[in-house]
Amino acid sequence: MIDAAGLRVMRAIADEGSFTAAAAALGYTQPAISQMVRRLEQRTGTVLVERVGRNVRLTEAGEVLARHAGPVLAALDAAEEEVAAIAGLRSGRVRLMAFPSASATLVPRALALVKARHPDVSISFTEAEPPESLAALRSGDCDLAVAFAYEGTDVARGEADLDAFVISPLLEDEVRLALPRTHPAAEHETVELGDLATEPWIAGCPRCRGHLVQLAATAGFRPDVAYETEDYVAVLGLVAEGLGVALIPDLILRTVHHDDVVALPMAPASRRTIMAVTTPDLERVPAVRATLAALAESAAAQSTAPTTRMPEPAWSI
């Protein structure tokens, strides 16, 4: 097998004309050069260097190796430089996927942090709900996913082997009830979910609808889902017009609001865990590790930031 060291020796012998000069050029001893040539001859099965007095010259096979050494070694040097740049965060690529409410809150701050600290690291971003993003991570189409799971469920909802993933919790996100400001319960401190059993409901993504159905079943009713949309701005508009009530996470309440909607704590309380998901191998990639750190920092800022309020006791969104 021909290795890079052997090619460097053949190139140096061709350029310098002797073992001694080649050794000096490469920083080796002359016996080391001789040994490397013998080893390369054994591997190729032919004579590569012919000794002529005090000098040496390459055989036809040796000239072939010396001729190919230039582009091969240049390619190896370029590859080493690119890898070193990635390892040193002077370059690198991360393919990030996140669900919609995280893409409006956690992700922008994290992307800004990575750009400020590592300007040559490139992050591509695609919006996707957890089932899709986890499937992309498993298939190699994604390096890092921001996902969520409601209390009592896992991020994959039993659809995938979680042992293949590294899961890093980012924050706990409380879920609240969004009501029209004119609703009779809008002035309450807390709303019992069962008290809204006869209300029309507005539901979002399949996982969010499933969570609503599960909570309602625990409260003893089946929700009448009158409208379905994954756009929380649209949800607020529908609630404001008195067309239904909805569950909305705190993370959304930090970015959108509607003067005619209030969001209240509910009983029993409900939370979801927001997390970053990757694989054990990808976790060791410097650019992915830097993005994970930025997401954690962004989440910490979200956890300490107050949710926008209207006059007590209602939460304005």
C-alpha atoms as a PDB file:
ATOM      1  CA  MET A   1       0.000   0.000   0.000  1.00  0.00           C
ATOM      2  CA  ILE A   2       1.377   3.410  -0.993  1.00  0.00           C
ATOM      3  CA  ASP A   3       1.161   5.978   1.781  1.00  0.00           C
ATOM      4  CA  ALA A   4       1.612   9.740   1.844  1.00  0.00           C
ATOM      5  CA  ALA A   5       5.023   9.523   3.554  1.00  0.00           C
ATOM      6  CA  GLY A   6       6.330   7.269   0.798  1.00  0.00           C
ATOM      7  CA  LEU A   7       5.091   9.647  -1.889  1.00  0.00           C
ATOM      8  CA  ARG A   8       6.782  12.583  -0.150  1.00  0.00           C
ATOM      9  CA  VAL A   9      10.065  10.664  -0.123  1.00  0.00           C
ATOM     10  CA  MET A  10       9.821   9.811  -3.824  1.00  0.00           C
ATOM     11  CA  ARG A  11       9.058  13.413  -4.696  1.00  0.00           C
ATOM     12  CA  ALA A  12      12.010  14.657  -2.585  1.00  0.00           C
ATOM     13  CA  ILE A  13      14.431  12.155  -4.195  1.00  0.00           C
ATOM     14  CA  ALA A  14      13.286  13.284  -7.650  1.00  0.00           C
ATOM     15  CA  ASP A  15      13.784  16.944  -6.710  1.00  0.00           C
ATOM     16  CA  GLU A  16      17.050  16.620  -4.745  1.00  0.00           C
ATOM     17  CA  GLY A  17      18.862  13.804  -6.595  1.00  0.00           C
ATOM     18  CA  SER A  18      20.165  11.903  -3.538  1.00  0.00           C
ATOM     19  CA  PHE A  19      19.049  10.246  -0.333  1.00  0.00           C
ATOM     20  CA  THR A  20      21.133  12.673   1.729  1.00  0.00           C
ATOM     21  CA  ALA A  21      19.641  15.787   0.134  1.00  0.00           C
ATOM     22  CA  ALA A  22      16.121  14.314   0.278  1.00  0.00           C
ATOM     23  CA  ALA A  23      16.621  13.571   3.991  1.00  0.00           C
ATOM     24  CA  ALA A  24      17.742  17.141   4.638  1.00  0.00           C
ATOM     25  CA  ALA A  25      14.754  18.553   2.728  1.00  0.00           C
ATOM     26  CA  LEU A  26      12.260  16.435   4.672  1.00  0.00           C
ATOM     27  CA  GLY A  27      13.979  16.635   8.061  1.00  0.00           C
ATOM     28  CA  TYR A  28      14.720  12.889   8.176  1.00  0.00           C
ATOM     29  CA  THR A  29      17.968  10.976   8.594  1.00  0.00           C
ATOM     30  CA  GLN A  30      19.538   9.359   5.556  1.00  0.00           C
ATOM     31  CA  PRO A  31      19.026   5.819   6.953  1.00  0.00           C
ATOM     32  CA  ALA A  32      15.329   6.630   7.493  1.00  0.00           C
ATOM     33  CA  ILE A  33      15.003   7.622   3.829  1.00  0.00           C
ATOM     34  CA  SER A  34      16.676   4.392   2.746  1.00  0.00           C
ATOM     35  CA  GLN A  35      14.358   2.349   4.955  1.00  0.00           C
ATOM     36  CA  MET A  36      11.244   4.106   3.630  1.00  0.00           C
ATOM     37  CA  VAL A  37      12.317   3.464   0.039  1.00  0.00           C
ATOM     38  CA  ARG A  38      12.924  -0.244   0.764  1.00  0.00           C
ATOM     39  CA  ARG A  39       9.505  -0.503   2.425  1.00  0.00           C
ATOM     40  CA  LEU A  40       7.835   1.173  -0.560  1.00  0.00           C
ATOM     41  CA  GLU A  41       9.626  -1.154  -2.975  1.00  0.00           C
ATOM     42  CA  GLN A  42       8.393  -4.146  -0.979  1.00  0.00           C
ATOM     43  CA  ARG A  43       4.827  -2.838  -1.120  1.00  0.00           C
ATOM     44  CA  THR A  44       4.893  -2.106  -4.849  1.00  0.00           C
ATOM     45  CA  GLY A  45       6.863  -5.221  -5.731  1.00  0.00           C
ATOM     46  CA  THR A  46       9.384  -3.428  -7.946  1.00  0.00           C
ATOM     47  CA  VAL A  47      12.598  -1.363  -7.836  1.00  0.00           C
ATOM     48  CA  LEU A  48      11.919   2.362  -7.505  1.00  0.00           C
ATOM     49  CA  VAL A  49      15.431   3.848  -7.081  1.00  0.00           C
ATOM     50  CA  GLU A  50      18.646   3.036  -8.923  1.00  0.00           C
ATOM     51  CA  ARG A  51      21.935   3.976  -7.224  1.00  0.00           C
ATOM     52  CA  VAL A  52      24.494   5.607  -9.526  1.00  0.00           C
ATOM     53  CA  GLY A  53      27.721   6.324  -7.642  1.00  0.00           C
ATOM     54  CA  ARG A  54      26.989   8.836  -4.885  1.00  0.00           C
ATOM     55  CA  ASN A  55      23.706   9.784  -6.477  1.00  0.00           C
ATOM     56  CA  VAL A  56      20.479   7.987  -7.212  1.00  0.00           C
ATOM     57  CA  ARG A  57      17.934   8.167  -9.953  1.00  0.00           C
ATOM     58  CA  LEU A  58      14.400   6.950 -10.191  1.00  0.00           C
ATOM     59  CA  THR A  59      13.404   3.951 -12.235  1.00  0.00           C
ATOM     60  CA  GLU A  60      10.419   4.157 -14.547  1.00  0.00           C
ATOM     61  CA  ALA A  61       8.138   3.003 -11.693  1.00  0.00           C
ATOM     62  CA  GLY A  62       9.762   5.514  -9.344  1.00  0.00           C
ATOM     63  CA  GLU A  63       9.175   8.316 -11.833  1.00  0.00           C
ATOM     64  CA  VAL A  64       5.489   7.346 -12.019  1.00  0.00           C
ATOM     65  CA  LEU A  65       5.163   7.669  -8.230  1.00  0.00           C
ATOM     66  CA  ALA A  66       7.066  10.966  -8.168  1.00  0.00           C
ATOM     67  CA  ARG A  67       4.879  12.360 -10.965  1.00  0.00           C
ATOM     68  CA  HIS A  68       1.637  11.459  -9.185  1.00  0.00           C
ATOM     69  CA  ALA A  69       2.958  12.558  -5.796  1.00  0.00           C
ATOM     70  CA  GLY A  70       2.392  16.262  -6.505  1.00  0.00           C
ATOM     71  CA  PRO A  71      -1.394  16.282  -7.087  1.00  0.00           C
ATOM     72  CA  VAL A  72      -2.015  13.503  -4.561  1.00  0.00           C
ATOM     73  CA  LEU A  73      -0.100  15.293  -1.777  1.00  0.00           C
ATOM     74  CA  ALA A  74      -1.731  18.620  -2.704  1.00  0.00           C
ATOM     75  CA  ALA A  75      -5.166  17.001  -2.378  1.00  0.00           C
ATOM     76  CA  LEU A  76      -4.218  15.472   0.983  1.00  0.00           C
ATOM     77  CA  ASP A  77      -2.914  18.822   2.237  1.00  0.00           C
ATOM     78  CA  ALA A  78      -6.139  20.512   1.150  1.00  0.00           C
ATOM     79  CA  ALA A  79      -8.211  17.823   2.874  1.00  0.00           C
ATOM     80  CA  GLU A  80      -6.180  18.183   6.065  1.00  0.00           C
ATOM     81  CA  GLU A  81      -6.660  21.956   5.999  1.00  0.00           C
ATOM     82  CA  GLU A  82     -10.426  21.622   5.516  1.00  0.00           C
ATOM     83  CA  VAL A  83     -10.700  19.108   8.354  1.00  0.00           C
ATOM     84  CA  ALA A  84      -8.559  21.315  10.583  1.00  0.00           C
ATOM     85  CA  ALA A  85     -10.805  24.257   9.759  1.00  0.00           C
ATOM     86  CA  ILE A  86     -13.897  22.254  10.688  1.00  0.00           C
ATOM     87  CA  ALA A  87     -12.302  20.970  13.881  1.00  0.00           C
ATOM     88  CA  GLY A  88     -11.210  24.499  14.785  1.00  0.00           C
ATOM     89  CA  LEU A  89     -14.620  26.021  13.916  1.00  0.00           C
ATOM     90  CA  ARG A  90     -13.074  28.076  11.105  1.00  0.00           C
ATOM     91  CA  SER A  91     -15.634  26.365   8.896  1.00  0.00           C
ATOM     92  CA  GLY A  92     -18.295  23.685   9.152  1.00  0.00           C
ATOM     93  CA  ARG A  93     -21.917  23.026   8.315  1.00  0.00           C
ATOM     94  CA  VAL A  94     -24.907  22.196  10.494  1.00  0.00           C
ATOM     95  CA  ARG A  95     -28.323  21.185   9.140  1.00  0.00           C
ATOM     96  CA  LEU A  96     -30.862  22.231  11.756  1.00  0.00           C
ATOM     97  CA  MET A  97     -34.564  21.410  11.949  1.00  0.00           C
ATOM     98  CA  ALA A  98     -36.997  22.886  14.481  1.00  0.00           C
ATOM     99  CA  PHE A  99     -40.744  22.962  15.062  1.00  0.00           C
ATOM    100  CA  PRO A 100     -42.567  26.236  14.256  1.00  0.00           C
ATOM    101  CA  SER A 101     -42.838  27.843  17.704  1.00  0.00           C
ATOM    102  CA  ALA A 102     -39.131  27.162  18.351  1.00  0.00           C
ATOM    103  CA  SER A 103     -38.249  28.629  14.954  1.00  0.00           C
ATOM    104  CA  ALA A 104     -39.800  31.915  16.066  1.00  0.00           C
ATOM    105  CA  THR A 105     -38.107  32.005  19.465  1.00  0.00           C
ATOM    106  CA  LEU A 106     -35.195  29.724  20.365  1.00  0.00           C
ATOM    107  CA  VAL A 107     -33.679  29.328  16.922  1.00  0.00           C
ATOM    108  CA  PRO A 108     -33.122  32.958  15.815  1.00  0.00           C
ATOM    109  CA  ARG A 109     -31.149  33.804  18.954  1.00  0.00           C
ATOM    110  CA  ALA A 110     -29.100  30.604  18.683  1.00  0.00           C
ATOM    111  CA  LEU A 111     -28.293  31.278  15.017  1.00  0.00           C
ATOM    112  CA  ALA A 112     -27.196  34.811  15.889  1.00  0.00           C
ATOM    113  CA  LEU A 113     -24.914  33.513  18.650  1.00  0.00           C
ATOM    114  CA  VAL A 114     -23.224  30.999  16.343  1.00  0.00           C
ATOM    115  CA  LYS A 115     -22.801  33.611  13.605  1.00  0.00           C
ATOM    116  CA  ALA A 116     -21.211  36.084  16.040  1.00  0.00           C
ATOM    117  CA  ARG A 117     -18.832  33.520  17.558  1.00  0.00           C
ATOM    118  CA  HIS A 118     -18.051  31.376  14.512  1.00  0.00           C
ATOM    119  CA  PRO A 119     -18.768  33.450  11.375  1.00  0.00           C
ATOM    120  CA  ASP A 120     -17.422  30.787   9.013  1.00  0.00           C
ATOM    121  CA  VAL A 121     -19.765  28.069  10.296  1.00  0.00           C
ATOM    122  CA  SER A 122     -22.769  27.641   8.007  1.00  0.00           C
ATOM    123  CA  ILE A 123     -26.155  26.607   9.434  1.00  0.00           C
ATOM    124  CA  SER A 124     -29.039  25.672   7.175  1.00  0.00           C
ATOM    125  CA  PHE A 125     -32.481  25.693   8.775  1.00  0.00           C
ATOM    126  CA  THR A 126     -35.684  23.855   7.912  1.00  0.00           C
ATOM    127  CA  GLU A 127     -38.945  24.000   9.826  1.00  0.00           C
ATOM    128  CA  ALA A 128     -40.372  20.590  10.749  1.00  0.00           C
ATOM    129  CA  GLU A 129     -42.423  18.969  13.494  1.00  0.00           C
ATOM    130  CA  PRO A 130     -40.706  16.311  15.646  1.00  0.00           C
ATOM    131  CA  PRO A 131     -41.783  13.208  13.718  1.00  0.00           C
ATOM    132  CA  GLU A 132     -40.351  14.593  10.479  1.00  0.00           C
ATOM    133  CA  SER A 133     -37.200  16.066  12.019  1.00  0.00           C
ATOM    134  CA  LEU A 134     -36.360  12.869  13.908  1.00  0.00           C
ATOM    135  CA  ALA A 135     -36.843  10.822  10.744  1.00  0.00           C
ATOM    136  CA  ALA A 136     -34.499  13.202   8.921  1.00  0.00           C
ATOM    137  CA  LEU A 137     -31.936  12.888  11.713  1.00  0.00           C
ATOM    138  CA  ARG A 138     -32.104   9.105  11.539  1.00  0.00           C
ATOM    139  CA  SER A 139     -31.727   9.064   7.743  1.00  0.00           C
ATOM    140  CA  GLY A 140     -28.770  11.447   7.742  1.00  0.00           C
ATOM    141  CA  ASP A 141     -30.626  14.412   6.236  1.00  0.00           C
ATOM    142  CA  CYS A 142     -30.348  16.490   9.418  1.00  0.00           C
ATOM    143  CA  ASP A 143     -27.610  17.038  12.024  1.00  0.00           C
ATOM    144  CA  LEU A 144     -29.612  18.572  14.867  1.00  0.00           C
ATOM    145  CA  ALA A 145     -33.333  18.764  15.657  1.00  0.00           C
ATOM    146  CA  VAL A 146     -35.224  20.930  18.122  1.00  0.00           C
ATOM    147  CA  ALA A 147     -38.217  18.867  19.237  1.00  0.00           C
ATOM    148  CA  PHE A 148     -40.714  18.690  22.083  1.00  0.00           C
ATOM    149  CA  ALA A 149     -42.672  16.175  24.127  1.00  0.00           C
ATOM    150  CA  TYR A 150     -45.663  16.674  26.401  1.00  0.00           C
ATOM    151  CA  GLU A 151     -45.681  15.289  29.910  1.00  0.00           C
ATOM    152  CA  GLY A 152     -46.134  11.538  29.919  1.00  0.00           C
ATOM    153  CA  THR A 153     -44.838  11.043  26.361  1.00  0.00           C
ATOM    154  CA  ASP A 154     -41.413  10.749  24.759  1.00  0.00           C
ATOM    155  CA  VAL A 155     -40.127  12.858  21.896  1.00  0.00           C
ATOM    156  CA  ALA A 156     -40.667  10.034  19.410  1.00  0.00           C
ATOM    157  CA  ARG A 157     -44.077   9.009  20.832  1.00  0.00           C
ATOM    158  CA  GLY A 158     -42.895   5.408  20.699  1.00  0.00           C
ATOM    159  CA  GLU A 159     -42.297   5.584  16.941  1.00  0.00           C
ATOM    160  CA  ALA A 160     -38.484   5.379  17.068  1.00  0.00           C
ATOM    161  CA  ASP A 161     -35.655   3.864  19.065  1.00  0.00           C
ATOM    162  CA  LEU A 162     -34.454   6.695  21.300  1.00  0.00           C
ATOM    163  CA  ASP A 163     -31.193   4.854  22.067  1.00  0.00           C
ATOM    164  CA  ALA A 164     -29.937   6.098  18.690  1.00  0.00           C
ATOM    165  CA  PHE A 165     -30.248   9.731  19.814  1.00  0.00           C
ATOM    166  CA  VAL A 166     -28.614  12.083  22.289  1.00  0.00           C
ATOM    167  CA  ILE A 167     -31.371  14.193  23.881  1.00  0.00           C
ATOM    168  CA  SER A 168     -30.523  17.463  25.644  1.00  0.00           C
ATOM    169  CA  PRO A 169     -33.432  19.160  27.482  1.00  0.00           C
ATOM    170  CA  LEU A 170     -33.531  22.904  26.825  1.00  0.00           C
ATOM    171  CA  LEU A 171     -36.504  24.212  28.814  1.00  0.00           C
ATOM    172  CA  GLU A 172     -39.882  23.405  30.365  1.00  0.00           C
ATOM    173  CA  ASP A 173     -42.736  25.160  28.579  1.00  0.00           C
ATOM    174  CA  GLU A 174     -46.110  25.631  30.305  1.00  0.00           C
ATOM    175  CA  VAL A 175     -49.256  25.298  28.209  1.00  0.00           C
ATOM    176  CA  ARG A 176     -52.063  27.813  28.811  1.00  0.00           C
ATOM    177  CA  LEU A 177     -55.681  28.272  27.825  1.00  0.00           C
ATOM    178  CA  ALA A 178     -56.338  31.018  25.281  1.00  0.00           C
ATOM    179  CA  LEU A 179     -59.780  32.607  25.664  1.00  0.00           C
ATOM    180  CA  PRO A 180     -61.569  35.611  24.126  1.00  0.00           C
ATOM    181  CA  ARG A 181     -61.265  38.583  26.473  1.00  0.00           C
ATOM    182  CA  THR A 182     -65.082  38.645  26.628  1.00  0.00           C
ATOM    183  CA  HIS A 183     -65.299  35.015  27.789  1.00  0.00           C
ATOM    184  CA  PRO A 184     -66.899  34.588  31.249  1.00  0.00           C
ATOM    185  CA  ALA A 185     -63.818  32.721  32.480  1.00  0.00           C
ATOM    186  CA  ALA A 186     -61.357  35.376  31.250  1.00  0.00           C
ATOM    187  CA  GLU A 187     -61.220  37.044  34.687  1.00  0.00           C
ATOM    188  CA  HIS A 188     -60.422  33.835  36.556  1.00  0.00           C
ATOM    189  CA  GLU A 189     -57.004  33.150  38.069  1.00  0.00           C
ATOM    190  CA  THR A 190     -57.079  29.546  36.811  1.00  0.00           C
ATOM    191  CA  VAL A 191     -59.511  27.719  34.545  1.00  0.00           C
ATOM    192  CA  GLU A 192     -60.569  24.111  35.056  1.00  0.00           C
ATOM    193  CA  LEU A 193     -60.273  22.370  31.706  1.00  0.00           C
ATOM    194  CA  GLY A 194     -63.529  20.524  32.316  1.00  0.00           C
ATOM    195  CA  ASP A 195     -65.370  23.861  32.548  1.00  0.00           C
ATOM    196  CA  LEU A 196     -64.726  24.323  28.810  1.00  0.00           C
ATOM    197  CA  ALA A 197     -66.138  20.938  27.786  1.00  0.00           C
ATOM    198  CA  THR A 198     -68.902  22.480  25.669  1.00  0.00           C
ATOM    199  CA  GLU A 199     -66.687  25.039  23.937  1.00  0.00           C
ATOM    200  CA  PRO A 200     -65.552  24.737  20.314  1.00  0.00           C
ATOM    201  CA  TRP A 201     -61.791  24.196  20.163  1.00  0.00           C
ATOM    202  CA  ILE A 202     -59.032  25.318  17.830  1.00  0.00           C
ATOM    203  CA  ALA A 203     -56.236  22.753  17.453  1.00  0.00           C
ATOM    204  CA  GLY A 204     -52.809  22.776  15.828  1.00  0.00           C
ATOM    205  CA  CYS A 205     -50.335  20.116  14.757  1.00  0.00           C
ATOM    206  CA  PRO A 206     -51.231  16.400  15.074  1.00  0.00           C
ATOM    207  CA  ARG A 207     -49.142  16.050  18.236  1.00  0.00           C
ATOM    208  CA  CYS A 208     -50.830  19.135  19.748  1.00  0.00           C
ATOM    209  CA  ARG A 209     -54.280  17.813  18.862  1.00  0.00           C
ATOM    210  CA  GLY A 210     -53.401  14.501  20.454  1.00  0.00           C
ATOM    211  CA  HIS A 211     -52.337  16.317  23.602  1.00  0.00           C
ATOM    212  CA  LEU A 212     -55.628  18.232  23.696  1.00  0.00           C
ATOM    213  CA  VAL A 213     -57.638  15.034  23.266  1.00  0.00           C
ATOM    214  CA  GLN A 214     -55.640  13.333  26.031  1.00  0.00           C
ATOM    215  CA  LEU A 215     -56.117  16.225  28.476  1.00  0.00           C
ATOM    216  CA  ALA A 216     -59.807  16.443  27.664  1.00  0.00           C
ATOM    217  CA  ALA A 217     -60.286  12.696  28.195  1.00  0.00           C
ATOM    218  CA  THR A 218     -58.690  13.021  31.621  1.00  0.00           C
ATOM    219  CA  ALA A 219     -61.106  15.880  32.353  1.00  0.00           C
ATOM    220  CA  GLY A 220     -64.046  13.731  31.235  1.00  0.00           C
ATOM    221  CA  PHE A 221     -64.991  15.103  27.824  1.00  0.00           C
ATOM    222  CA  ARG A 222     -64.196  14.871  24.131  1.00  0.00           C
ATOM    223  CA  PRO A 223     -63.259  18.238  22.592  1.00  0.00           C
ATOM    224  CA  ASP A 224     -65.222  19.586  19.661  1.00  0.00           C
ATOM    225  CA  VAL A 225     -62.401  20.657  17.335  1.00  0.00           C
ATOM    226  CA  ALA A 226     -64.064  23.218  15.110  1.00  0.00           C
ATOM    227  CA  TYR A 227     -60.931  24.653  13.466  1.00  0.00           C
ATOM    228  CA  GLU A 228     -57.462  23.286  12.757  1.00  0.00           C
ATOM    229  CA  THR A 229     -54.389  25.381  12.018  1.00  0.00           C
ATOM    230  CA  GLU A 230     -50.688  25.181  12.903  1.00  0.00           C
ATOM    231  CA  ASP A 231     -50.360  28.975  12.573  1.00  0.00           C
ATOM    232  CA  TYR A 232     -50.572  30.419  16.090  1.00  0.00           C
ATOM    233  CA  VAL A 233     -51.264  33.921  14.742  1.00  0.00           C
ATOM    234  CA  ALA A 234     -54.337  32.446  13.048  1.00  0.00           C
ATOM    235  CA  VAL A 235     -55.240  30.645  16.303  1.00  0.00           C
ATOM    236  CA  LEU A 236     -55.202  33.960  18.151  1.00  0.00           C
ATOM    237  CA  GLY A 237     -57.348  35.560  15.476  1.00  0.00           C
ATOM    238  CA  LEU A 238     -59.944  32.801  15.711  1.00  0.00           C
ATOM    239  CA  VAL A 239     -59.963  32.965  19.511  1.00  0.00           C
ATOM    240  CA  ALA A 240     -60.265  36.767  19.450  1.00  0.00           C
ATOM    241  CA  GLU A 241     -63.373  36.519  17.285  1.00  0.00           C
ATOM    242  CA  GLY A 242     -65.008  34.150  19.778  1.00  0.00           C
ATOM    243  CA  LEU A 243     -64.866  31.165  17.429  1.00  0.00           C
ATOM    244  CA  GLY A 244     -63.272  28.847  19.955  1.00  0.00           C
ATOM    245  CA  VAL A 245     -60.707  28.357  22.698  1.00  0.00           C
ATOM    246  CA  ALA A 246     -57.236  26.881  22.378  1.00  0.00           C
ATOM    247  CA  LEU A 247     -54.139  25.608  24.148  1.00  0.00           C
ATOM    248  CA  ILE A 248     -51.085  27.804  23.580  1.00  0.00           C
ATOM    249  CA  PRO A 249     -47.561  27.234  24.967  1.00  0.00           C
ATOM    250  CA  ASP A 250     -45.700  29.961  26.835  1.00  0.00           C
ATOM    251  CA  LEU A 251     -43.002  29.967  24.156  1.00  0.00           C
ATOM    252  CA  ILE A 252     -45.532  31.364  21.697  1.00  0.00           C
ATOM    253  CA  LEU A 253     -46.767  33.925  24.200  1.00  0.00           C
ATOM    254  CA  ARG A 254     -43.312  35.507  24.236  1.00  0.00           C
ATOM    255  CA  THR A 255     -43.489  36.388  20.559  1.00  0.00           C
ATOM    256  CA  VAL A 256     -47.126  36.999  19.571  1.00  0.00           C
ATOM    257  CA  HIS A 257     -50.062  38.721  21.220  1.00  0.00           C
ATOM    258  CA  HIS A 258     -53.609  39.846  20.541  1.00  0.00           C
ATOM    259  CA  ASP A 259     -55.340  42.539  22.554  1.00  0.00           C
ATOM    260  CA  ASP A 260     -58.611  40.610  22.540  1.00  0.00           C
ATOM    261  CA  VAL A 261     -57.159  37.330  23.812  1.00  0.00           C
ATOM    262  CA  VAL A 262     -56.083  36.290  27.308  1.00  0.00           C
ATOM    263  CA  ALA A 263     -54.092  33.211  28.255  1.00  0.00           C
ATOM    264  CA  LEU A 264     -54.625  31.689  31.677  1.00  0.00           C
ATOM    265  CA  PRO A 265     -53.127  28.854  33.699  1.00  0.00           C
ATOM    266  CA  MET A 266     -55.272  25.746  33.594  1.00  0.00           C
ATOM    267  CA  ALA A 267     -56.024  22.962  36.004  1.00  0.00           C
ATOM    268  CA  PRO A 268     -54.659  20.412  35.822  1.00  0.00           C
ATOM    269  CA  ALA A 269     -51.470  22.149  34.655  1.00  0.00           C
ATOM    270  CA  SER A 270     -49.763  20.949  31.501  1.00  0.00           C
ATOM    271  CA  ARG A 271     -46.179  21.326  30.336  1.00  0.00           C
ATOM    272  CA  ARG A 272     -44.001  20.227  27.502  1.00  0.00           C
ATOM    273  CA  THR A 273     -40.240  19.692  27.417  1.00  0.00           C
ATOM    274  CA  ILE A 274     -38.335  21.317  24.591  1.00  0.00           C
ATOM    275  CA  MET A 275     -35.121  19.530  23.683  1.00  0.00           C
ATOM    276  CA  ALA A 276     -32.278  19.357  21.211  1.00  0.00           C
ATOM    277  CA  VAL A 277     -31.756  15.961  19.571  1.00  0.00           C
ATOM    278  CA  THR A 278     -28.737  14.662  17.674  1.00  0.00           C
ATOM    279  CA  THR A 279     -26.707  11.449  17.426  1.00  0.00           C
ATOM    280  CA  PRO A 280     -23.675  10.433  19.537  1.00  0.00           C
ATOM    281  CA  ASP A 281     -21.317  10.819  16.565  1.00  0.00           C
ATOM    282  CA  LEU A 282     -22.687  14.190  15.461  1.00  0.00           C
ATOM    283  CA  GLU A 283     -22.533  15.486  19.022  1.00  0.00           C
ATOM    284  CA  ARG A 284     -18.727  15.311  18.778  1.00  0.00           C
ATOM    285  CA  VAL A 285     -18.616  17.491  15.638  1.00  0.00           C
ATOM    286  CA  PRO A 286     -17.411  20.951  16.754  1.00  0.00           C
ATOM    287  CA  ALA A 287     -19.967  22.935  14.699  1.00  0.00           C
ATOM    288  CA  VAL A 288     -22.850  20.813  16.028  1.00  0.00           C
ATOM    289  CA  ARG A 289     -21.516  21.128  19.572  1.00  0.00           C
ATOM    290  CA  ALA A 290     -21.311  24.923  19.179  1.00  0.00           C
ATOM    291  CA  THR A 291     -24.901  25.043  17.913  1.00  0.00           C
ATOM    292  CA  LEU A 292     -26.078  22.927  20.851  1.00  0.00           C
ATOM    293  CA  ALA A 293     -24.404  25.366  23.237  1.00  0.00           C
ATOM    294  CA  ALA A 294     -26.057  28.318  21.496  1.00  0.00           C
ATOM    295  CA  LEU A 295     -29.492  26.660  21.711  1.00  0.00           C
ATOM    296  CA  ALA A 296     -28.975  26.035  25.431  1.00  0.00           C
ATOM    297  CA  GLU A 297     -28.012  29.683  25.952  1.00  0.00           C
ATOM    298  CA  SER A 298     -31.015  30.873  23.968  1.00  0.00           C
ATOM    299  CA  ALA A 299     -33.297  28.599  26.005  1.00  0.00           C
ATOM    300  CA  ALA A 300     -31.865  29.939  29.263  1.00  0.00           C
ATOM    301  CA  ALA A 301     -32.700  33.469  28.129  1.00  0.00           C
ATOM    302  CA  GLN A 302     -36.241  32.385  27.251  1.00  0.00           C
ATOM    303  CA  SER A 303     -36.668  30.779  30.672  1.00  0.00           C
ATOM    304  CA  THR A 304     -35.792  33.994  32.488  1.00  0.00           C
ATOM    305  CA  ALA A 305     -37.673  36.384  30.184  1.00  0.00           C
ATOM    306  CA  PRO A 306     -41.126  37.420  31.461  1.00  0.00           C
ATOM    307  CA  THR A 307     -44.182  36.614  29.397  1.00  0.00           C
ATOM    308  CA  THR A 308     -45.921  39.771  28.212  1.00  0.00           C
ATOM    309  CA  ARG A 309     -48.820  40.600  30.523  1.00  0.00           C
ATOM    310  CA  MET A 310     -51.928  42.687  30.314  1.00  0.00           C
ATOM    311  CA  PRO A 311     -53.534  43.895  33.557  1.00  0.00           C
ATOM    312  CA  GLU A 312     -53.856  41.145  36.156  1.00  0.00           C
ATOM    313  CA  PRO A 313     -55.071  38.508  36.401  1.00  0.00           C
ATOM    314  CA  ALA A 314     -55.085  37.828  32.650  1.00  0.00           C
ATOM    315  CA  TRP A 315     -52.038  36.981  30.567  1.00  0.00           C
ATOM    316  CA  SER A 316     -52.029  38.983  27.352  1.00  0.00           C
ATOM    317  CA  ILE A 317     -50.791  37.318  24.191  1.00  0.00           C
END
